[in-house]
Amino acid sequence: PYTTLFRSINEKERSISISYIENYYIIKFFESITKVVEIRLPSEGRNTSVIFTVPSEVVYLTERTKEEFIYNVDRKNENSKKFELVRGIPFFQLEIEYFKNTKVGFISKIILNIDFTYVQIVIYILATIFLIFMLFTLEGYIKTEPLEEDDSSLRRFLRRLIQIPSKITDAVELSVNEWGDIYDWINYIFCGINGIFILSWILVKMPLYYALDKYKYMEDNKIESEKDLSFWRKFLIMIFDSIYGRDYINSLLFMFIISLIGSIMHRGEIVYAFLLLAILNLNTTLKSIVASIKVKGPELGASFLLLIFLVYFYSNLGFFYLNDNFEADIEDDIPDNYCLCLRFCFMTNFDAGIRARGGAADQMVRISFERHTYTYIIRMIYDITYFLINIIIMIDLVFGIILGTFSKMREEERECDNDKINHCFICHITREIIEKKKEDFNFHREKRHNLWNYINYMLFLKFSDVNKLNVTNLFTKTNLDNKNICFLPSYQDNFDDEEKEKEKDEEEKEEEDLEDEDEEEESDSDDSSNIINGAIDDNEII
């Protein structure tokens, strides 16, 4: 490239230009591996800049881990973010050492670089296409294949696996029953693709997540050695933390299990519609709705239990005092009583009474006030209180719990997004304050207090020899090992600098004022001496 670029320049100028470009790239290279962070020294009451070399082990840190750290960090206040940062460094170190010490082949490298969130989306799109295909082809389909007594699901699966290819290749027009075999064959392919991705995740990525979750559990419960963990505790950590704690693998496992059930079950096409439920892990709004129900599960369960008690109470009243009012739908000259026994009365009130717009009154006959005055008054109290308590208050109470939790979670997400955009992660200063100081907020966040520069600096301290560290780095490493955040710049440091500048300005102004006062005093003394001398001269003249 140098030859084509400097073809028209003589040899001397060309060599100078080439050396200049080489130096430029050398400088850029050292800028890429050398970073600067700002460290707070509480004993001296000031911040100092530390230059360090980015450790080569950082290449083993995956982008997925960085994204999970940014997404899961606690952003309540300044100290919570710093504590999460210091607490997350051992997890980064553990992941780096895992991939560094593990022999990773070509296929494993591909799997490590795969973002399984996108795999989840692709699998869901394939499932949707499969269901749309069923929607337009499954007309009047009845499975005519007889189910023998000794015909197991495995035998049907193997028999279809042998017969379907010949049916697909030989038949020009497929019969109704053969469409069902096509659905099964497509489902086998879909289930196989899904199973390959799940197996690759289990073999390559799950050991890392298991090690991270195990370390986190030991740190939270202050367990020093892994030997203190029982086999069942390790198993529960692997199931509930390593697998169940990852939404994308949950979605893949859910679709795989549904496809497997549909493959081996008689008339398994019924369960294929459940594949669409995987969208709950793809859409953030739907995920928030499900999370709001999950978070308020005990409150919703208690409300539902109270609703059952109230319906049972009204069922007793209806059975003992208003039994004749539940007669309706006369068939063959025999009235059908919905409250023939207490069990039927409870089922009627709970099923039709809750769903009906007017409550239990919609399932009861109308009576006249003139003929049945006493019964009418009881019915009025029964119907109105049933409608107010069970339909309006209890149902709205359940909806209020869900909507209140959902709105609270959405507000927390907005605050989290606002913190990501308008707050510095390290010192927590806002964009507004930085712009008032006539500084660039992006420069402050990306250059002065870059989050990944601090993470690389802490990893540099973790992988460095203690005997080769200077005083500042040794101070930072000691606090980092003790999970002390005093070495990170604080929010008040920005104002301390301003106060120092103001104090300097005030001192300079005071010095200038003193100099001006001295000059004024000197000028006043000169003027007074001139006046005295002039007065003496006038007296002499007089």
Protein backbone atom coordinates (compact mmCIF):
# COMPACT_ATOMS: atom_id res chain seq x y z
CA PRO A 1 0.00 0.00 0.00
CA TYR A 2 2.89 2.37 0.64
CA THR A 3 4.16 1.93 -2.95
CA THR A 4 0.84 2.85 -4.54
CA LEU A 5 0.29 5.69 -2.10
CA PHE A 6 3.65 7.42 -2.59
CA ARG A 7 4.41 6.53 -6.18
CA SER A 8 4.81 10.19 -7.24
CA ILE A 9 7.07 11.14 -4.32
CA ASN A 10 10.83 10.84 -4.41
CA GLU A 11 12.65 8.26 -2.35
CA LYS A 12 13.54 10.57 0.52
CA GLU A 13 10.05 11.98 0.99
CA ARG A 14 8.60 8.51 0.62
CA SER A 15 10.80 7.07 3.37
CA ILE A 16 9.91 9.98 5.67
CA SER A 17 6.18 9.49 4.99
CA ILE A 18 6.40 5.75 5.52
CA SER A 19 8.19 6.20 8.83
CA TYR A 20 5.56 8.76 9.85
CA ILE A 21 2.71 6.35 9.07
CA GLU A 22 4.46 3.49 10.82
CA ASN A 23 4.89 5.65 13.91
CA TYR A 24 1.25 6.62 13.68
CA TYR A 25 0.15 2.98 13.73
CA ILE A 26 2.61 2.19 16.49
CA ILE A 27 1.10 4.99 18.57
CA LYS A 28 -2.40 3.70 17.82
CA PHE A 29 -1.33 0.20 18.83
CA PHE A 30 0.03 1.37 22.18
CA GLU A 31 -3.11 3.45 22.73
CA SER A 32 -5.17 0.28 22.28
CA ILE A 33 -3.24 -1.71 24.89
CA THR A 34 -2.47 1.15 27.29
CA LYS A 35 -5.27 2.81 29.21
CA VAL A 36 -5.62 5.45 31.91
CA VAL A 37 -7.93 5.41 34.93
CA GLU A 38 -8.52 7.83 37.76
CA ILE A 39 -7.94 6.46 41.26
CA ARG A 40 -9.01 8.17 44.48
CA LEU A 41 -6.48 8.44 47.31
CA PRO A 42 -8.47 9.12 50.51
CA SER A 43 -5.37 9.64 52.64
CA GLU A 44 -4.15 12.47 50.39
CA GLY A 45 -7.62 13.77 49.59
CA ARG A 46 -7.09 13.82 45.84
CA ASN A 47 -7.44 11.76 42.66
CA THR A 48 -4.49 10.52 40.65
CA SER A 49 -4.21 9.09 37.13
CA VAL A 50 -2.84 5.56 36.73
CA ILE A 51 -1.50 4.23 33.44
CA PHE A 52 -1.63 0.47 32.96
CA THR A 53 -1.34 -2.16 30.25
CA VAL A 54 -4.49 -4.03 29.31
CA PRO A 55 -3.89 -7.71 30.18
CA SER A 56 -3.86 -10.09 27.24
CA GLU A 57 -6.25 -12.42 29.09
CA VAL A 58 -9.12 -9.98 28.46
CA VAL A 59 -9.67 -11.59 25.04
CA TYR A 60 -11.21 -14.60 26.81
CA LEU A 61 -13.98 -12.42 28.23
CA THR A 62 -17.12 -12.96 26.13
CA GLU A 63 -19.47 -10.22 24.98
CA ARG A 64 -22.42 -12.10 26.47
CA THR A 65 -20.89 -11.79 29.95
CA LYS A 66 -20.37 -8.05 29.48
CA GLU A 67 -23.98 -7.59 28.38
CA GLU A 68 -25.30 -9.61 31.34
CA PHE A 69 -23.21 -7.51 33.73
CA ILE A 70 -24.55 -4.23 32.31
CA TYR A 71 -28.12 -5.55 32.34
CA ASN A 72 -28.12 -7.14 35.82
CA VAL A 73 -26.13 -4.53 37.78
CA ASP A 74 -27.96 -2.87 40.67
CA ARG A 75 -28.39 0.83 39.81
CA LYS A 76 -30.15 2.11 42.94
CA ASN A 77 -27.37 4.52 43.91
CA GLU A 78 -23.70 5.27 43.42
CA ASN A 79 -22.36 2.81 46.01
CA SER A 80 -24.53 -0.10 44.82
CA LYS A 81 -23.08 0.16 41.30
CA LYS A 82 -19.53 0.34 42.61
CA PHE A 83 -20.09 -2.64 44.89
CA GLU A 84 -21.51 -4.66 41.98
CA LEU A 85 -18.45 -3.69 39.93
CA VAL A 86 -15.98 -4.81 42.60
CA ARG A 87 -18.03 -7.92 43.32
CA GLY A 88 -18.17 -8.88 39.62
CA ILE A 89 -14.39 -8.88 39.04
CA PRO A 90 -13.89 -12.42 40.47
CA PHE A 91 -16.58 -13.69 38.08
CA PHE A 92 -14.76 -12.11 35.14
CA GLN A 93 -11.51 -13.62 36.37
CA LEU A 94 -13.13 -17.04 36.75
CA GLU A 95 -14.48 -16.96 33.20
CA ILE A 96 -11.10 -15.87 31.80
CA GLU A 97 -9.28 -18.66 33.63
CA TYR A 98 -11.90 -21.20 32.53
CA PHE A 99 -11.50 -20.46 28.82
CA LYS A 100 -7.77 -19.96 29.15
CA ASN A 101 -7.19 -23.36 30.74
CA THR A 102 -9.75 -25.23 28.63
CA LYS A 103 -8.73 -26.64 25.27
CA VAL A 104 -11.23 -25.09 22.91
CA GLY A 105 -11.62 -26.58 19.44
CA PHE A 106 -12.88 -24.95 16.27
CA ILE A 107 -16.51 -25.98 16.83
CA SER A 108 -16.37 -24.91 20.47
CA LYS A 109 -15.09 -21.48 19.44
CA ILE A 110 -18.07 -21.11 17.12
CA ILE A 111 -20.46 -22.12 19.91
CA LEU A 112 -18.82 -19.68 22.34
CA ASN A 113 -19.32 -16.81 19.91
CA ILE A 114 -22.98 -17.68 19.30
CA ASP A 115 -25.49 -15.46 21.04
CA PHE A 116 -28.20 -17.91 22.09
CA THR A 117 -30.70 -15.07 22.34
CA TYR A 118 -30.69 -14.90 18.56
CA VAL A 119 -30.81 -18.69 18.38
CA GLN A 120 -33.96 -18.52 20.49
CA ILE A 121 -35.49 -16.03 18.04
CA VAL A 122 -34.61 -18.21 15.02
CA ILE A 123 -36.10 -21.33 16.65
CA TYR A 124 -39.25 -19.40 17.51
CA ILE A 125 -39.58 -18.19 13.91
CA LEU A 126 -39.26 -21.80 12.67
CA ALA A 127 -41.94 -22.89 15.14
CA THR A 128 -44.25 -20.08 13.96
CA ILE A 129 -43.78 -21.08 10.31
CA PHE A 130 -44.56 -24.69 11.24
CA LEU A 131 -47.79 -23.65 13.00
CA ILE A 132 -48.83 -21.42 10.09
CA PHE A 133 -48.27 -24.38 7.77
CA MET A 134 -50.56 -26.46 9.98
CA LEU A 135 -53.14 -23.65 10.01
CA PHE A 136 -53.57 -23.70 6.22
CA THR A 137 -53.28 -27.45 5.67
CA LEU A 138 -55.08 -29.02 8.64
CA GLU A 139 -58.65 -29.08 7.30
CA GLY A 140 -60.96 -31.90 8.30
CA TYR A 141 -57.97 -33.84 9.59
CA ILE A 142 -58.82 -36.84 11.74
CA LYS A 143 -56.15 -39.28 12.73
CA THR A 144 -57.43 -42.59 11.40
CA GLU A 145 -54.46 -44.62 12.54
CA PRO A 146 -55.81 -47.12 15.10
CA LEU A 147 -54.15 -47.22 18.46
CA GLU A 148 -53.37 -50.80 19.39
CA GLU A 149 -53.24 -51.94 22.96
CA ASP A 150 -49.54 -52.85 22.86
CA ASP A 151 -48.63 -49.98 20.52
CA SER A 152 -46.22 -47.77 22.45
CA SER A 153 -45.19 -44.25 21.50
CA LEU A 154 -41.67 -45.40 20.64
CA ARG A 155 -42.98 -48.04 18.23
CA ARG A 156 -45.22 -45.51 16.48
CA PHE A 157 -42.26 -43.12 16.24
CA LEU A 158 -40.01 -45.75 14.62
CA ARG A 159 -42.76 -46.95 12.27
CA ARG A 160 -43.47 -43.41 11.02
CA LEU A 161 -39.75 -42.72 10.68
CA ILE A 162 -39.49 -45.64 8.25
CA GLN A 163 -42.73 -45.03 6.31
CA ILE A 164 -42.74 -41.23 5.89
CA PRO A 165 -39.88 -40.84 3.34
CA SER A 166 -41.54 -43.27 0.92
CA LYS A 167 -44.87 -41.50 1.33
CA ILE A 168 -43.34 -38.10 0.63
CA THR A 169 -41.45 -39.22 -2.47
CA ASP A 170 -44.10 -41.53 -3.99
CA ALA A 171 -47.38 -39.69 -3.29
CA VAL A 172 -48.40 -36.83 -5.57
CA GLU A 173 -51.54 -35.95 -3.63
CA LEU A 174 -51.37 -36.59 0.07
CA SER A 175 -54.37 -37.98 1.86
CA VAL A 176 -55.73 -36.52 5.06
CA ASN A 177 -53.93 -39.04 7.24
CA GLU A 178 -50.63 -38.54 5.40
CA TRP A 179 -50.70 -34.80 6.24
CA GLY A 180 -50.40 -35.83 9.89
CA ASP A 181 -47.29 -37.84 9.06
CA ILE A 182 -45.80 -34.78 7.34
CA TYR A 183 -46.41 -32.72 10.48
CA ASP A 184 -44.67 -35.35 12.55
CA TRP A 185 -41.70 -35.46 10.18
CA ILE A 186 -41.31 -31.65 10.24
CA ASN A 187 -41.57 -31.73 14.01
CA TYR A 188 -38.80 -34.34 14.17
CA ILE A 189 -36.50 -32.04 12.20
CA PHE A 190 -37.43 -29.04 14.34
CA CYS A 191 -36.89 -31.03 17.53
CA GLY A 192 -33.50 -32.25 16.26
CA ILE A 193 -32.25 -28.73 15.43
CA ASN A 194 -33.40 -27.47 18.81
CA GLY A 195 -31.75 -30.43 20.55
CA ILE A 196 -28.41 -29.77 18.82
CA PHE A 197 -28.29 -26.19 20.11
CA ILE A 198 -29.29 -27.27 23.62
CA LEU A 199 -26.67 -30.04 23.68
CA SER A 200 -23.94 -27.66 22.46
CA TRP A 201 -24.88 -25.15 25.17
CA ILE A 202 -24.80 -27.86 27.85
CA LEU A 203 -21.39 -29.17 26.76
CA VAL A 204 -19.64 -25.81 26.21
CA LYS A 205 -21.32 -23.01 28.16
CA MET A 206 -23.12 -24.66 31.06
CA PRO A 207 -19.90 -25.71 32.91
CA LEU A 208 -18.85 -22.05 33.00
CA TYR A 209 -22.23 -20.84 34.28
CA TYR A 210 -22.26 -23.65 36.83
CA ALA A 211 -18.83 -22.59 38.13
CA LEU A 212 -19.92 -18.94 38.29
CA ASP A 213 -23.20 -19.72 40.10
CA LYS A 214 -21.43 -22.05 42.50
CA TYR A 215 -18.87 -19.35 43.33
CA LYS A 216 -21.67 -16.82 43.83
CA TYR A 217 -23.55 -19.15 46.18
CA MET A 218 -20.40 -19.79 48.21
CA GLU A 219 -19.68 -16.08 48.45
CA ASP A 220 -23.25 -15.17 49.47
CA ASN A 221 -23.37 -17.87 52.15
CA LYS A 222 -19.72 -17.34 53.21
CA ILE A 223 -18.66 -20.89 52.41
CA GLU A 224 -14.88 -21.18 52.20
CA SER A 225 -14.42 -24.56 50.50
CA GLU A 226 -16.31 -26.37 47.77
CA LYS A 227 -16.12 -29.53 49.87
CA ASP A 228 -18.66 -28.02 52.24
CA LEU A 229 -21.30 -28.15 49.48
CA SER A 230 -23.37 -31.31 49.38
CA PHE A 231 -24.22 -33.18 46.21
CA TRP A 232 -27.86 -32.08 46.31
CA ARG A 233 -26.88 -28.44 46.81
CA LYS A 234 -24.64 -28.61 43.75
CA PHE A 235 -27.45 -30.26 41.80
CA LEU A 236 -29.92 -27.54 42.82
CA ILE A 237 -27.43 -24.82 41.85
CA MET A 238 -26.99 -26.41 38.43
CA ILE A 239 -30.75 -26.79 37.81
CA PHE A 240 -32.21 -23.60 39.28
CA ASP A 241 -29.31 -21.16 38.78
CA SER A 242 -27.31 -22.36 35.80
CA ILE A 243 -30.23 -23.59 33.65
CA TYR A 244 -33.44 -22.08 35.00
CA GLY A 245 -31.73 -18.73 35.60
CA ARG A 246 -31.07 -18.22 31.84
CA ASP A 247 -34.18 -17.17 29.94
CA TYR A 248 -32.92 -18.08 26.47
CA ILE A 249 -32.07 -21.68 27.39
CA ASN A 250 -35.41 -21.98 29.22
CA SER A 251 -37.18 -21.04 26.00
CA LEU A 252 -35.18 -23.57 23.97
CA LEU A 253 -35.83 -26.32 26.51
CA PHE A 254 -39.55 -25.48 26.60
CA MET A 255 -39.89 -25.70 22.80
CA PHE A 256 -37.83 -28.90 22.72
CA ILE A 257 -40.02 -30.60 25.37
CA ILE A 258 -43.24 -29.51 23.62
CA SER A 259 -41.94 -30.83 20.29
CA LEU A 260 -40.88 -34.09 21.93
CA ILE A 261 -44.30 -34.55 23.54
CA GLY A 262 -45.99 -33.84 20.21
CA SER A 263 -43.79 -36.41 18.50
CA ILE A 264 -44.51 -39.33 20.81
CA MET A 265 -48.07 -38.50 21.90
CA HIS A 266 -51.21 -39.75 20.16
CA ARG A 267 -52.74 -36.76 18.34
CA GLY A 268 -49.75 -34.70 19.45
CA GLU A 269 -50.66 -31.85 17.10
CA ILE A 270 -52.74 -30.48 19.99
CA VAL A 271 -49.67 -29.47 22.00
CA TYR A 272 -47.87 -27.75 19.12
CA ALA A 273 -49.81 -24.53 19.80
CA PHE A 274 -47.95 -24.20 23.10
CA LEU A 275 -44.80 -23.38 21.10
CA LEU A 276 -46.12 -19.84 20.69
CA LEU A 277 -45.82 -19.29 24.44
CA ALA A 278 -42.05 -18.97 23.95
CA ILE A 279 -42.67 -15.35 22.90
CA LEU A 280 -42.95 -14.53 26.62
CA ASN A 281 -39.14 -14.67 26.79
CA LEU A 282 -38.63 -12.64 23.62
CA ASN A 283 -40.70 -9.53 24.31
CA THR A 284 -39.68 -7.30 27.22
CA THR A 285 -43.21 -6.06 27.85
CA LEU A 286 -44.64 -9.57 28.06
CA LYS A 287 -41.72 -10.59 30.22
CA SER A 288 -42.52 -7.72 32.60
CA ILE A 289 -46.17 -8.83 32.79
CA VAL A 290 -45.17 -12.39 33.65
CA ALA A 291 -42.62 -11.10 36.15
CA SER A 292 -45.26 -8.91 37.81
CA ILE A 293 -47.48 -11.96 38.29
CA LYS A 294 -44.53 -14.02 39.53
CA VAL A 295 -43.37 -11.35 42.00
CA LYS A 296 -46.83 -10.85 43.47
CA GLY A 297 -47.64 -14.57 43.46
CA PRO A 298 -48.30 -14.83 47.23
CA GLU A 299 -50.57 -11.76 47.21
CA LEU A 300 -52.50 -13.06 44.20
CA GLY A 301 -52.79 -16.50 45.79
CA ALA A 302 -54.14 -14.99 49.01
CA SER A 303 -56.65 -12.88 47.05
CA PHE A 304 -57.81 -15.93 45.10
CA LEU A 305 -58.19 -17.92 48.33
CA LEU A 306 -60.27 -15.11 49.85
CA LEU A 307 -62.46 -15.10 46.73
CA ILE A 308 -63.08 -18.85 47.15
CA PHE A 309 -64.10 -18.33 50.79
CA LEU A 310 -66.51 -15.54 49.85
CA VAL A 311 -68.07 -17.58 47.06
CA TYR A 312 -68.48 -20.51 49.46
CA PHE A 313 -70.17 -18.20 51.97
CA TYR A 314 -72.64 -16.97 49.33
CA SER A 315 -73.19 -20.56 48.17
CA ASN A 316 -74.33 -21.47 51.68
CA LEU A 317 -76.73 -18.52 51.74
CA GLY A 318 -78.11 -19.47 48.35
CA PHE A 319 -78.49 -23.13 49.21
CA PHE A 320 -80.30 -22.65 52.54
CA TYR A 321 -82.37 -19.51 51.86
CA LEU A 322 -82.66 -19.01 48.08
CA ASN A 323 -82.68 -22.55 46.74
CA ASP A 324 -85.88 -22.11 44.72
CA ASN A 325 -84.50 -19.03 42.98
CA PHE A 326 -81.84 -21.09 41.13
CA GLU A 327 -84.38 -22.97 38.99
CA ALA A 328 -84.09 -22.27 35.25
CA ASP A 329 -84.08 -23.93 31.80
CA ILE A 330 -87.13 -26.20 32.02
CA GLU A 331 -86.48 -29.35 29.97
CA ASP A 332 -89.14 -32.06 29.51
CA ASP A 333 -91.39 -30.23 31.99
CA ILE A 334 -88.75 -30.73 34.69
CA PRO A 335 -87.10 -27.57 36.08
CA ASP A 336 -83.30 -27.65 36.21
CA ASN A 337 -82.10 -26.52 39.63
CA TYR A 338 -78.52 -25.11 39.70
CA CYS A 339 -78.44 -25.34 43.50
CA LEU A 340 -79.71 -28.86 44.01
CA CYS A 341 -76.91 -29.59 46.47
CA LEU A 342 -74.23 -27.45 48.13
CA ARG A 343 -71.57 -28.69 45.71
CA PHE A 344 -73.64 -27.69 42.65
CA CYS A 345 -74.48 -24.39 44.27
CA PHE A 346 -70.79 -23.62 44.88
CA MET A 347 -69.82 -24.58 41.31
CA THR A 348 -72.62 -22.42 39.89
CA ASN A 349 -71.64 -19.38 41.97
CA PHE A 350 -67.93 -19.82 41.28
CA ASP A 351 -68.24 -20.54 37.55
CA ALA A 352 -71.22 -18.64 36.20
CA GLY A 353 -71.42 -16.13 39.04
CA ILE A 354 -67.88 -14.82 38.61
CA ARG A 355 -68.07 -14.77 34.79
CA ALA A 356 -71.53 -13.18 34.59
CA ARG A 357 -71.78 -9.42 34.30
CA GLY A 358 -74.44 -9.23 37.03
CA GLY A 359 -72.98 -11.90 39.31
CA ALA A 360 -75.06 -14.79 40.65
CA ALA A 361 -78.29 -12.89 39.90
CA ASP A 362 -77.93 -13.75 36.18
CA GLN A 363 -78.34 -17.44 37.07
CA MET A 364 -81.45 -16.93 39.23
CA VAL A 365 -85.10 -16.38 38.36
CA ARG A 366 -86.77 -12.99 38.69
CA ILE A 367 -89.30 -12.56 41.50
CA SER A 368 -91.98 -9.95 42.16
CA PHE A 369 -91.76 -7.53 45.06
CA GLU A 370 -95.52 -7.60 45.66
CA ARG A 371 -95.80 -11.39 45.83
CA HIS A 372 -92.51 -12.22 47.56
CA THR A 373 -91.61 -9.14 49.61
CA TYR A 374 -89.42 -10.89 52.21
CA THR A 375 -87.64 -13.01 49.61
CA TYR A 376 -87.19 -9.99 47.34
CA ILE A 377 -85.40 -8.04 50.11
CA ILE A 378 -83.10 -10.99 50.81
CA ARG A 379 -82.44 -11.38 47.07
CA MET A 380 -81.67 -7.67 46.74
CA ILE A 381 -79.12 -7.77 49.58
CA TYR A 382 -77.69 -11.05 48.23
CA ASP A 383 -77.34 -9.84 44.64
CA ILE A 384 -75.94 -6.39 45.44
CA THR A 385 -73.39 -7.58 48.00
CA TYR A 386 -72.34 -10.49 45.76
CA PHE A 387 -71.84 -8.10 42.85
CA LEU A 388 -69.96 -5.46 44.88
CA ILE A 389 -67.71 -7.81 46.85
CA ASN A 390 -66.96 -10.66 44.43
CA ILE A 391 -67.21 -8.95 41.05
CA ILE A 392 -66.07 -5.37 41.63
CA ILE A 393 -63.83 -5.42 44.71
CA MET A 394 -62.12 -8.82 44.46
CA ILE A 395 -61.63 -8.91 40.70
CA ASP A 396 -60.43 -5.32 40.64
CA LEU A 397 -58.16 -6.12 43.58
CA VAL A 398 -56.43 -8.84 41.55
CA PHE A 399 -56.13 -6.57 38.50
CA GLY A 400 -54.85 -3.75 40.70
CA ILE A 401 -52.09 -5.93 42.16
CA ILE A 402 -50.95 -7.00 38.68
CA LEU A 403 -51.16 -3.54 37.12
CA GLY A 404 -49.52 -1.85 40.11
CA THR A 405 -46.60 -4.26 40.06
CA PHE A 406 -46.29 -3.96 36.29
CA SER A 407 -46.25 -0.15 36.39
CA LYS A 408 -43.68 -0.22 39.20
CA MET A 409 -41.42 -2.53 37.22
CA ARG A 410 -41.78 -0.36 34.11
CA GLU A 411 -40.84 2.70 36.17
CA GLU A 412 -37.76 0.89 37.47
CA GLU A 413 -36.81 -0.01 33.90
CA ARG A 414 -37.15 3.65 32.87
CA GLU A 415 -34.97 4.72 35.77
CA CYS A 416 -32.43 2.06 34.82
CA ASP A 417 -32.39 3.26 31.20
CA ASN A 418 -32.07 6.86 32.38
CA ASP A 419 -29.13 5.86 34.58
CA LYS A 420 -27.44 4.13 31.64
CA ILE A 421 -27.82 7.18 29.40
CA ASN A 422 -27.47 10.19 31.70
CA HIS A 423 -25.25 9.03 34.60
CA CYS A 424 -21.59 8.18 34.84
CA PHE A 425 -21.19 4.61 36.11
CA ILE A 426 -18.10 5.38 38.20
CA CYS A 427 -18.80 8.75 39.86
CA HIS A 428 -22.59 8.87 39.25
CA ILE A 429 -22.48 12.46 38.04
CA THR A 430 -25.32 13.48 35.71
CA ARG A 431 -25.18 14.75 32.18
CA GLU A 432 -26.82 18.01 33.25
CA ILE A 433 -24.10 18.87 35.79
CA ILE A 434 -21.33 18.07 33.30
CA GLU A 435 -22.91 20.22 30.63
CA LYS A 436 -23.34 23.08 33.11
CA LYS A 437 -19.58 22.94 33.63
CA LYS A 438 -19.29 23.30 29.82
CA GLU A 439 -17.73 19.86 29.43
CA ASP A 440 -18.58 16.96 27.13
CA PHE A 441 -20.45 14.21 29.00
CA ASN A 442 -19.54 11.53 26.43
CA PHE A 443 -15.87 12.43 26.81
CA HIS A 444 -16.20 12.18 30.59
CA ARG A 445 -17.87 8.77 30.44
CA GLU A 446 -15.80 7.25 27.61
CA LYS A 447 -12.35 8.69 28.36
CA ARG A 448 -12.08 9.90 31.92
CA HIS A 449 -14.32 7.32 33.66
CA ASN A 450 -14.65 4.52 31.13
CA LEU A 451 -16.24 1.48 32.78
CA TRP A 452 -14.33 -1.14 30.79
CA ASN A 453 -11.05 0.65 31.46
CA TYR A 454 -11.69 0.20 35.18
CA ILE A 455 -12.63 -3.46 34.67
CA ASN A 456 -9.45 -4.04 32.66
CA TYR A 457 -7.44 -2.23 35.34
CA MET A 458 -8.85 -4.44 38.09
CA LEU A 459 -8.18 -7.55 36.01
CA PHE A 460 -4.65 -6.23 35.43
CA LEU A 461 -4.21 -6.09 39.22
CA LYS A 462 -5.63 -9.60 39.61
CA PHE A 463 -3.22 -11.12 37.07
CA SER A 464 -0.16 -9.09 38.19
CA ASP A 465 2.53 -10.07 40.64
CA VAL A 466 2.17 -8.23 43.95
CA ASN A 467 5.93 -7.67 44.21
CA LYS A 468 5.95 -5.75 40.92
CA LEU A 469 3.22 -3.27 41.83
CA ASN A 470 3.86 0.30 42.89
CA VAL A 471 2.31 1.94 45.94
CA THR A 472 -0.85 3.16 44.21
CA ASN A 473 -1.55 -0.18 42.50
CA LEU A 474 -0.83 -2.08 45.71
CA PHE A 475 -3.28 0.16 47.58
CA THR A 476 -5.94 -0.46 44.92
CA LYS A 477 -5.36 -4.22 44.84
CA THR A 478 -5.64 -4.48 48.64
CA ASN A 479 -8.97 -2.68 48.66
CA LEU A 480 -10.17 -4.67 45.65
CA ASP A 481 -9.44 -7.97 47.42
CA ASN A 482 -11.30 -6.71 50.50
CA LYS A 483 -14.20 -5.47 48.29
CA ASN A 484 -13.69 -1.91 49.45
CA ILE A 485 -14.79 0.79 47.00
CA CYS A 486 -12.87 3.70 48.53
CA PHE A 487 -10.38 3.78 45.62
CA LEU A 488 -13.07 4.63 43.04
CA PRO A 489 -13.82 8.30 42.30
CA SER A 490 -16.93 9.58 44.04
CA TYR A 491 -19.69 11.99 43.12
CA GLN A 492 -18.40 14.58 45.60
CA ASP A 493 -14.95 14.67 43.98
CA ASN A 494 -16.37 16.66 41.07
CA PHE A 495 -17.59 19.34 43.45
CA ASP A 496 -14.43 19.23 45.55
CA ASP A 497 -12.50 20.23 42.43
CA GLU A 498 -14.94 23.06 41.86
CA GLU A 499 -14.62 24.18 45.47
CA LYS A 500 -10.83 24.12 45.19
CA GLU A 501 -11.01 26.18 42.02
CA LYS A 502 -13.40 28.60 43.71
CA GLU A 503 -11.08 28.86 46.72
CA LYS A 504 -8.17 29.57 44.40
CA ASP A 505 -10.21 32.20 42.57
CA GLU A 506 -11.25 33.74 45.87
CA GLU A 507 -7.66 33.78 47.12
CA GLU A 508 -6.49 35.41 43.88
CA LYS A 509 -9.28 37.98 44.16
CA GLU A 510 -8.34 38.69 47.78
CA GLU A 511 -4.70 39.15 46.78
CA GLU A 512 -5.74 41.48 43.98
CA ASP A 513 -7.99 43.43 46.36
CA LEU A 514 -5.13 43.76 48.86
CA GLU A 515 -2.80 45.01 46.13
CA ASP A 516 -5.44 47.51 45.00
CA GLU A 517 -5.92 48.71 48.59
CA ASP A 518 -2.15 49.16 48.99
CA GLU A 519 -1.98 51.11 45.77
CA GLU A 520 -4.93 53.27 46.87
CA GLU A 521 -3.30 53.90 50.25
CA GLU A 522 -0.05 54.90 48.56
CA SER A 523 -1.90 57.20 46.16
CA ASP A 524 -3.87 58.74 49.08
CA SER A 525 -0.67 59.33 51.06
CA ASP A 526 0.92 61.00 48.03
CA ASP A 527 -2.12 63.21 47.58
CA SER A 528 -2.15 64.23 51.24
CA SER A 529 1.57 65.07 51.18
CA ASN A 530 1.06 67.17 48.07
CA ILE A 531 -1.79 69.04 49.74
CA ILE A 532 0.30 69.76 52.85
CA ASN A 533 3.21 70.97 50.77
CA GLY A 534 0.87 73.18 48.77
CA ALA A 535 -0.60 74.64 51.94
CA ILE A 536 2.85 75.44 53.28
CA ASP A 537 3.74 77.21 50.04
CA ASP A 538 0.53 79.28 50.22
CA ASN A 539 1.28 80.34 53.77
CA GLU A 540 4.73 81.42 52.76
CA ILE A 541 3.27 83.50 49.93
CA ILE A 542 0.73 85.08 52.29
